Every structure is written in structure tokens, then in C-alpha cells.
């Protein structure tokens, strides 16, 4: 007895399930484009203290490393010689004033006597000339007194600016000369602080062309952020003050200067920092999640896009920089298109898919870097 059975359809003939992928719908948005540049801090004001008259140092009246105010006395010099010169100049003024009084009275008498021909006109003219000479002598004596007073005042060496004073290069007993080459001390104003950053002239030209063409909108209120040597973020934002008018021929770089508040004096001169500057605002920017962008063997950025028929298409993108966890795409994508961000390995171009939408949030304040 032969029993005939019914064979089941082969498994490979069964319909394949349509793969499910997660997509992000791309929309245009305004994005602030930034660049990170290396920089060094420098003091807002710097003054090297030097004597304006010579003499022996009697006292030093500040603590090294302390904060001083403009006008504070830093050193005193032996003032005996300058005091004597001042006293002599003052006596010369008194003498000139007395002489002027005598000559003035004589000139008045001659003025009346010449009217009645009691003296000759020549004698009167001589009296007038002597009066003029006496006035000039008094003016000269007063100028000498003023100079003596200035030099006497210079024996007290004062701080020209407010700031933090460094190490003293001399001690009491040292002999100083006027306007000597070696400074006595150095004062630096640390609040606010300068940060000098450098940018290549090529990047500067690219940025200016983008602003002129309207691809970027300038933000005149843009702030500058700092990253310190240890990787931490500086709490206070700065402002870009100026860009140099020339390019360093050796490096091809342009120097820019920003100014930062430094109330806690966390920034010190000479520190290495990285400054984040806003280049401008891209009003109609396309941002594509990095999950959905890969590189082919030639290094081109590519992505898989789901079209209106729910079929997969391959795209070559022009991705120029990263902003947070997304790519800024200049070409290859349009508003409303869906880019596959999860499940890329399950599909190929031309395949049908079902989609699940992924909400994408953009940190437009994130630092952008070139791709």
C-alpha cells in the first residue's frame, strides 16, 4: 500500500518582510557657524616702572605680587639733593619778585618825570627795558622752580597704572639713573584681559566671501567663548575687538584680538586657550545626523534616502563641517527628504522599506568644525 503525501511550498518562495528603518526628515534651519582658534592671553595694560631721576633707593613700599592702584608710591629715593635744588629755585623766585618790585617802582617814577622833562627819554626807555627784563627773570625763575619741584616729586616713584605688580629688580640702597634700561618692576592689569587668536588668511577670505554673497549673515552681537588649558569652559564671554590689517608672511596667519572680563583673575598672561568665534548665521542650513552619513572608498560623504514611494536611494553629499552630532550639508539633500539613520545595514538602494520617524534636536550653539 503506497501512501502519497502533499508537499509544502518551499520557504524561499514565501514573500520577504519589508524591512523597517528609522529616518530623520531634513528641514532648513538657521544655524550659527562657529570656528575654534588657538590663542594666548595677554594683559590689558602693561607698565614697566622706571625712575625719571637718578638717586639712591631709600625704601620699597609694596609687596611683590600684590595689587596696586595708580598713584601708589612704590619706591622713594634720597631727595636731599633735589630738595636743596628746589629751595634754591624758590629763593631765586623770591629774589626775582623783589627785583621786579623795585624796577617797577622806578619805571613808574620815570614815566611821570619824563612828562615834565625832568629826565631824558633815554633814561625812561632804559627803565621800561629793565622792567621787561625783571618780568622775564621772574618767569624764568618760576620755570626753574617748577622743574625743581617736578624732579623732587620724581623721587617718589608712583605706580602709573592699577594692576598686579611683579618682582622688584632692585633693593633699597641701589643707585638708579634716570630712564635706565632695566625696569624696577612690572605692573599688569588683569581685568579685563586680551586674548590674541590667529586665523589663516585663506579661511578669512572664505568667510568674507560668504558674508558678501549672503550665504552667511553677520551677527554683530556675537560673543567669543573660551576653552581653557585643562579643557574647561571659561565662565565669561568676550567680544572681538579687532582684526589685524596685515598677514604674517611667515605663517600666512591673521591675528585677531578679543577682550574678556576677568573679575576672578582666572586668566593669567601667557596662558594657551582655544577661542570659539561665531563666523555668521546660515539662514537656510541643512543638518543631517552623523548616524546617517558614511564615507565611500573615495572619501565622499554618502547617505541613504527614502523617496516618496518608500524606496531607498543613494545620495552623494557635500558635507563641510560637523555641528554637534550632525553634518552641515551644502549639496545632495533637499528640504523634506528622509535620511535613514538606523537600519542602514538592512537595506540597499532600490529596496522598499517602512519608516519610523526619529525626532532630531539641534544644538545650534554647538561648536562646528570643518569636515
Protein backbone atom coordinates (compact mmCIF):
# COMPACT_ATOMS: atom_id res chain seq x y z
CA UNK A 1 0.00 0.00 0.00
CA UNK A 2 1.51 3.35 -1.09
CA UNK A 3 0.64 6.48 0.82
CA UNK A 4 1.02 9.72 -1.12
CA UNK A 5 1.59 12.93 0.91
CA UNK A 6 1.16 16.59 -0.05
CA UNK A 7 4.43 18.59 -0.20
CA UNK A 8 4.59 22.06 1.47
CA UNK A 9 5.59 25.16 -0.55
CA UNK A 10 9.33 25.91 -0.37
CA UNK A 11 10.28 28.53 2.18
CA UNK A 12 12.19 30.60 -0.33
CA UNK A 13 9.00 31.26 -2.29
CA UNK A 14 7.36 32.97 0.70
CA UNK A 15 7.17 36.82 0.47
CA UNK A 16 10.02 38.59 2.33
CA UNK A 17 9.02 41.07 5.03
CA UNK A 18 9.67 44.72 4.21
CA UNK A 19 12.50 45.99 6.44
CA UNK A 20 11.79 48.81 8.86
CA UNK A 21 14.21 51.73 9.12
CA UNK A 22 14.38 54.85 11.23
CA UNK A 23 14.52 58.10 9.29
CA UNK A 24 15.10 61.77 10.05
CA UNK A 25 13.21 64.32 7.95
CA UNK A 26 15.54 67.12 6.93
CA UNK A 27 14.33 70.70 7.21
CA UNK A 28 16.11 74.02 6.73
CA UNK A 29 17.00 75.98 9.84
CA UNK A 30 19.10 78.94 10.91
CA UNK A 31 22.43 77.78 12.30
CA UNK A 32 25.22 79.81 13.86
CA UNK A 33 28.50 78.66 12.35
CA UNK A 34 31.50 78.84 14.65
CA UNK A 35 35.19 78.17 14.43
CA UNK A 36 37.68 77.25 17.14
CA UNK A 37 41.04 79.01 17.00
CA UNK A 38 44.18 78.82 19.17
CA UNK A 39 45.12 81.85 21.21
CA UNK A 40 47.21 83.33 24.01
CA UNK A 41 46.16 85.62 26.81
CA UNK A 42 47.87 88.94 27.42
CA UNK A 43 47.42 91.71 29.96
CA UNK A 44 45.05 94.55 29.13
CA UNK A 45 47.62 97.15 30.25
CA UNK A 46 51.34 96.67 30.93
CA UNK A 47 53.67 99.21 32.50
CA UNK A 48 57.39 98.85 33.22
CA UNK A 49 58.30 101.08 36.15
CA UNK A 50 61.46 103.15 35.63
CA UNK A 51 62.93 106.12 37.53
CA UNK A 52 62.73 109.55 35.92
CA UNK A 53 65.55 110.94 38.06
CA UNK A 54 68.70 109.35 39.42
CA UNK A 55 69.40 108.63 43.05
CA UNK A 56 69.80 106.04 45.79
CA UNK A 57 66.74 103.96 46.73
CA UNK A 58 65.71 104.54 50.33
CA UNK A 59 62.57 102.38 50.59
CA UNK A 60 60.40 99.92 48.67
CA UNK A 61 56.77 100.37 49.68
CA UNK A 62 54.92 97.48 48.04
CA UNK A 63 54.65 93.72 48.42
CA UNK A 64 55.74 91.77 45.36
CA UNK A 65 52.79 90.05 43.69
CA UNK A 66 50.22 92.38 45.25
CA UNK A 67 47.65 94.61 43.60
CA UNK A 68 48.50 98.31 43.43
CA UNK A 69 46.49 101.35 42.42
CA UNK A 70 47.57 104.08 40.04
CA UNK A 71 49.36 106.75 42.10
CA UNK A 72 50.52 104.41 44.88
CA UNK A 73 54.12 105.12 45.95
CA UNK A 74 56.33 102.15 45.04
CA UNK A 75 59.84 103.43 45.83
CA UNK A 76 61.34 106.51 47.45
CA UNK A 77 64.74 107.95 46.54
CA UNK A 78 67.11 110.05 48.62
CA UNK A 79 65.65 113.51 47.98
CA UNK A 80 68.24 115.69 49.76
CA UNK A 81 69.89 116.99 46.59
CA UNK A 82 66.57 117.62 44.87
CA UNK A 83 65.17 119.36 47.96
CA UNK A 84 68.18 121.67 48.03
CA UNK A 85 67.77 122.46 44.34
CA UNK A 86 64.09 123.21 44.95
CA UNK A 87 64.89 125.52 47.87
CA UNK A 88 67.46 127.37 45.76
CA UNK A 89 64.97 127.79 42.93
CA UNK A 90 62.36 129.07 45.35
CA UNK A 91 64.81 131.64 46.71
CA UNK A 92 65.58 132.73 43.15
CA UNK A 93 61.88 133.35 42.60
CA UNK A 94 61.66 135.45 45.76
CA UNK A 95 64.69 137.45 44.61
CA UNK A 96 63.23 137.99 41.15
CA UNK A 97 59.93 139.14 42.64
CA UNK A 98 61.71 141.66 44.87
CA UNK A 99 63.77 142.95 41.96
CA UNK A 100 60.64 143.29 39.84
CA UNK A 101 59.01 145.39 42.54
CA UNK A 102 61.99 147.76 42.72
CA UNK A 103 62.30 148.08 38.96
CA UNK A 104 58.57 148.57 38.63
CA UNK A 105 58.53 151.48 41.08
CA UNK A 106 61.46 153.09 39.27
CA UNK A 107 59.72 152.74 35.93
CA UNK A 108 56.60 154.43 37.34
CA UNK A 109 58.66 157.39 38.59
CA UNK A 110 60.45 157.78 35.26
CA UNK A 111 57.11 157.68 33.50
CA UNK A 112 55.90 160.75 35.42
CA UNK A 113 59.23 162.60 35.30
CA UNK A 114 59.60 162.31 31.55
CA UNK A 115 56.30 164.14 31.14
CA UNK A 116 57.82 167.29 32.72
CA UNK A 117 61.19 166.77 31.09
CA UNK A 118 62.80 166.05 34.47
CA UNK A 119 64.56 163.02 32.94
CA UNK A 120 65.56 162.26 29.40
CA UNK A 121 63.56 159.99 27.18
CA UNK A 122 66.57 157.68 27.01
CA UNK A 123 66.52 157.22 30.78
CA UNK A 124 62.81 156.46 30.64
CA UNK A 125 63.31 153.92 27.87
CA UNK A 126 66.04 152.28 29.93
CA UNK A 127 63.67 152.00 32.91
CA UNK A 128 60.98 150.39 30.74
CA UNK A 129 63.53 147.88 29.36
CA UNK A 130 64.72 146.99 32.86
CA UNK A 131 61.11 146.38 33.88
CA UNK A 132 60.63 143.97 30.97
CA UNK A 133 63.90 142.23 31.89
CA UNK A 134 62.79 141.86 35.51
CA UNK A 135 59.50 140.31 34.42
CA UNK A 136 61.35 137.83 32.18
CA UNK A 137 63.76 136.98 35.00
CA UNK A 138 60.81 136.22 37.29
CA UNK A 139 59.18 133.99 34.67
CA UNK A 140 62.47 132.12 34.19
CA UNK A 141 62.91 131.69 37.94
CA UNK A 142 59.38 130.32 38.26
CA UNK A 143 60.01 127.84 35.44
CA UNK A 144 63.19 126.68 37.17
CA UNK A 145 61.22 126.29 40.41
CA UNK A 146 58.58 124.24 38.59
CA UNK A 147 61.25 121.94 37.14
CA UNK A 148 62.89 121.56 40.54
CA UNK A 149 59.51 120.68 42.03
CA UNK A 150 58.88 118.10 39.32
CA UNK A 151 62.26 116.45 39.90
CA UNK A 152 61.69 116.50 43.66
CA UNK A 153 58.35 114.77 43.08
CA UNK A 154 60.05 112.13 40.92
CA UNK A 155 61.99 110.97 43.99
CA UNK A 156 58.72 109.26 44.93
CA UNK A 157 58.22 106.65 42.20
CA UNK A 158 54.48 106.03 41.80
CA UNK A 159 52.50 103.31 40.02
CA UNK A 160 51.46 104.62 36.57
CA UNK A 161 48.56 102.15 36.27
CA UNK A 162 46.46 99.94 38.51
CA UNK A 163 47.17 96.22 38.40
CA UNK A 164 49.27 93.43 39.82
CA UNK A 165 52.93 94.20 40.39
CA UNK A 166 55.59 91.57 39.94
CA UNK A 167 59.05 91.03 41.34
CA UNK A 168 61.23 94.02 42.18
CA UNK A 169 64.56 94.05 40.36
CA UNK A 170 66.27 96.31 42.92
CA UNK A 171 66.54 96.67 46.68
CA UNK A 172 66.96 99.68 48.98
CA UNK A 173 70.47 101.07 48.63
CA UNK A 174 70.63 100.60 44.87
CA UNK A 175 71.79 103.52 42.74
CA UNK A 176 69.38 104.37 39.94
CA UNK A 177 69.81 106.51 36.85
CA UNK A 178 67.13 108.45 35.02
CA UNK A 179 65.24 106.43 32.40
CA UNK A 180 67.51 103.40 32.82
CA UNK A 181 67.03 100.41 30.54
CA UNK A 182 66.24 97.90 33.29
CA UNK A 183 62.75 98.33 34.78
CA UNK A 184 62.36 98.36 38.54
CA UNK A 185 59.16 96.31 38.39
CA UNK A 186 56.34 95.41 36.02
CA UNK A 187 52.64 96.11 36.54
CA UNK A 188 49.96 94.26 34.57
CA UNK A 189 46.24 94.99 34.56
CA UNK A 190 44.47 91.63 34.54
CA UNK A 191 40.83 92.69 34.37
CA UNK A 192 39.84 92.75 31.60
CA UNK A 193 42.21 90.51 29.62
CA UNK A 194 43.15 90.27 25.96
CA UNK A 195 43.14 87.03 24.00
CA UNK A 196 45.06 87.08 20.72
CA UNK A 197 43.99 84.37 18.28
CA UNK A 198 45.24 83.52 14.79
CA UNK A 199 43.28 82.51 11.69
CA UNK A 200 44.61 81.59 8.27
CA UNK A 201 44.20 84.20 5.57
CA UNK A 202 42.54 81.54 3.37
CA UNK A 203 39.79 80.98 5.94
CA UNK A 204 39.37 84.72 6.41
CA UNK A 205 38.88 85.21 2.65
CA UNK A 206 36.36 82.35 2.54
CA UNK A 207 34.40 83.87 5.41
CA UNK A 208 34.34 87.35 3.84
CA UNK A 209 33.13 85.96 0.51
CA UNK A 210 30.36 84.02 2.26
CA UNK A 211 29.23 87.17 4.06
CA UNK A 212 29.34 89.25 0.87
CA UNK A 213 27.36 86.67 -1.11
CA UNK A 214 24.68 86.36 1.56
CA UNK A 215 25.43 82.70 2.36
CA UNK A 216 26.17 83.88 5.89
CA UNK A 217 24.54 86.66 7.88
CA UNK A 218 26.83 88.59 10.18
CA UNK A 219 25.91 88.71 13.86
CA UNK A 220 27.35 91.95 15.22
CA UNK A 221 26.40 90.96 18.77
CA UNK A 222 28.28 87.65 18.58
CA UNK A 223 30.24 86.69 21.67
CA UNK A 224 33.52 84.79 21.91
CA UNK A 225 33.76 81.75 24.18
CA UNK A 226 36.95 80.32 25.68
CA UNK A 227 38.16 76.81 26.44
CA UNK A 228 40.99 76.75 28.98
CA UNK A 229 44.14 74.62 29.01
CA UNK A 230 42.53 71.94 31.17
CA UNK A 231 39.56 71.61 28.80
CA UNK A 232 37.11 73.51 30.99
CA UNK A 233 34.94 76.32 29.67
CA UNK A 234 35.63 79.85 30.82
CA UNK A 235 32.58 81.33 32.52
CA UNK A 236 32.65 84.78 30.89
CA UNK A 237 32.05 85.57 27.23
CA UNK A 238 34.26 88.04 25.40
CA UNK A 239 33.93 90.38 22.44
CA UNK A 240 36.02 90.52 19.29
CA UNK A 241 37.81 93.86 19.35
CA UNK A 242 39.75 93.99 16.08
CA UNK A 243 41.36 92.01 13.27
CA UNK A 244 44.88 92.84 12.15
CA UNK A 245 45.26 94.67 8.84
CA UNK A 246 48.18 92.57 7.63
CA UNK A 247 49.05 88.90 7.13
CA UNK A 248 52.16 87.40 8.69
CA UNK A 249 54.26 86.47 5.62
CA UNK A 250 55.97 83.64 7.50
CA UNK A 251 52.83 81.83 8.66
CA UNK A 252 50.04 83.16 6.43
CA UNK A 253 48.02 83.94 9.55
CA UNK A 254 46.00 86.96 10.63
CA UNK A 255 45.88 87.97 14.30
CA UNK A 256 42.56 88.85 15.93
CA UNK A 257 42.11 90.21 19.43
CA UNK A 258 39.20 89.62 21.80
CA UNK A 259 38.70 91.17 25.23
CA UNK A 260 37.31 89.19 28.18
CA UNK A 261 36.20 90.20 31.68
CA UNK A 262 38.45 88.60 34.29
CA UNK A 263 36.97 89.52 37.69
CA UNK A 264 38.35 86.42 39.45
CA UNK A 265 41.72 86.73 37.66
CA UNK A 266 41.39 83.15 36.47
CA UNK A 267 43.10 84.17 33.24
CA UNK A 268 46.80 84.96 33.52
CA UNK A 269 49.07 86.42 30.84
CA UNK A 270 50.62 83.83 28.55
CA UNK A 271 48.01 81.10 29.01
CA UNK A 272 47.16 78.92 26.00
CA UNK A 273 43.43 78.89 25.24
CA UNK A 274 41.08 77.99 22.43
CA UNK A 275 38.60 80.66 21.38
CA UNK A 276 35.26 79.82 19.78
CA UNK A 277 34.23 82.61 17.39
CA UNK A 278 30.94 82.91 15.54
CA UNK A 279 31.53 83.27 11.81
CA UNK A 280 27.93 84.11 10.97
CA UNK A 281 24.44 82.65 10.67
CA UNK A 282 23.44 80.27 7.86
CA UNK A 283 19.73 81.03 7.47
CA UNK A 284 18.82 78.03 5.24
CA UNK A 285 21.06 75.27 6.55
CA UNK A 286 20.61 71.51 6.15
CA UNK A 287 21.76 69.44 9.12
CA UNK A 288 21.96 65.65 8.71
CA UNK A 289 22.58 63.35 11.72
CA UNK A 290 26.03 61.80 11.66
CA UNK A 291 24.41 58.37 12.07
CA UNK A 292 23.03 58.67 8.57
CA UNK A 293 26.25 59.73 6.83
CA UNK A 294 29.04 57.37 5.77
CA UNK A 295 32.13 57.67 3.59
CA UNK A 296 32.75 55.69 0.42
CA UNK A 297 36.12 54.39 -0.78
CA UNK A 298 36.89 57.78 -2.32
CA UNK A 299 36.13 59.63 0.88
CA UNK A 300 32.84 61.11 -0.36
CA UNK A 301 30.04 61.59 2.15
CA UNK A 302 27.03 59.41 1.29
CA UNK A 303 23.57 58.78 2.72
CA UNK A 304 20.54 56.59 2.02
CA UNK A 305 17.30 58.49 1.40
CA UNK A 306 13.74 57.13 1.39
CA UNK A 307 11.75 58.63 -1.50
CA UNK A 308 8.01 59.25 -1.81
CA UNK A 309 7.46 55.61 -2.94
CA UNK A 310 9.21 54.35 0.20
CA UNK A 311 12.16 53.15 -1.82
CA UNK A 312 15.79 53.61 -0.90
CA UNK A 313 18.01 55.95 -2.92
CA UNK A 314 21.76 56.52 -2.54
CA UNK A 315 22.96 60.12 -2.36
CA UNK A 316 26.39 61.72 -2.52
CA UNK A 317 26.54 64.68 -0.15
CA UNK A 318 28.78 67.68 0.21
CA UNK A 319 29.24 67.67 3.98
CA UNK A 320 31.50 70.53 5.01
CA UNK A 321 31.59 70.53 8.81
CA UNK A 322 30.12 68.97 11.92
CA UNK A 323 27.84 70.88 14.26
CA UNK A 324 27.32 68.93 17.45
CA UNK A 325 26.30 65.41 16.34
CA UNK A 326 25.21 66.47 12.85
CA UNK A 327 26.76 67.28 9.48
CA UNK A 328 26.22 70.59 7.73
CA UNK A 329 25.34 69.55 4.15
CA UNK A 330 25.81 72.01 1.30
CA UNK A 331 24.65 69.79 -1.59
CA UNK A 332 22.87 66.49 -2.18
CA UNK A 333 19.81 66.89 0.04
CA UNK A 334 16.56 68.85 -0.12
CA UNK A 335 14.04 70.03 2.44
CA UNK A 336 11.51 67.37 3.41
CA UNK A 337 13.64 64.40 2.35
CA UNK A 338 14.04 61.47 4.73
CA UNK A 339 17.51 60.19 5.57
CA UNK A 340 17.94 56.70 7.06
CA UNK A 341 19.68 56.99 10.42
CA UNK A 342 19.03 53.47 11.80
CA UNK A 343 18.84 50.21 9.89
CA UNK A 344 21.21 51.25 7.08
CA UNK A 345 22.83 47.81 7.10
CA UNK A 346 19.48 46.10 6.36
CA UNK A 347 18.71 47.84 3.05
CA UNK A 348 20.17 48.59 -0.35
CA UNK A 349 19.34 51.21 -2.99
CA UNK A 350 16.09 50.33 -4.76
CA UNK A 351 14.66 48.30 -1.88
CA UNK A 352 11.27 49.07 -0.38
CA UNK A 353 11.08 49.95 3.31
CA UNK A 354 8.73 51.02 6.03
CA UNK A 355 9.79 54.01 8.09
CA UNK A 356 9.72 55.19 11.67
CA UNK A 357 10.35 58.89 12.24
CA UNK A 358 13.10 59.98 14.61
CA UNK A 359 12.91 63.36 16.30
CA UNK A 360 16.16 65.24 15.80
CA UNK A 361 17.11 68.12 18.07
CA UNK A 362 19.80 70.53 17.02
CA UNK A 363 22.17 72.34 19.33
CA UNK A 364 22.79 75.37 17.13
CA UNK A 365 25.17 76.72 19.72
CA UNK A 366 27.48 73.72 19.40
CA UNK A 367 30.98 74.31 18.15
CA UNK A 368 31.31 73.49 14.47
CA UNK A 369 34.44 72.06 12.90
CA UNK A 370 35.49 71.52 9.31
CA UNK A 371 34.91 68.10 7.83
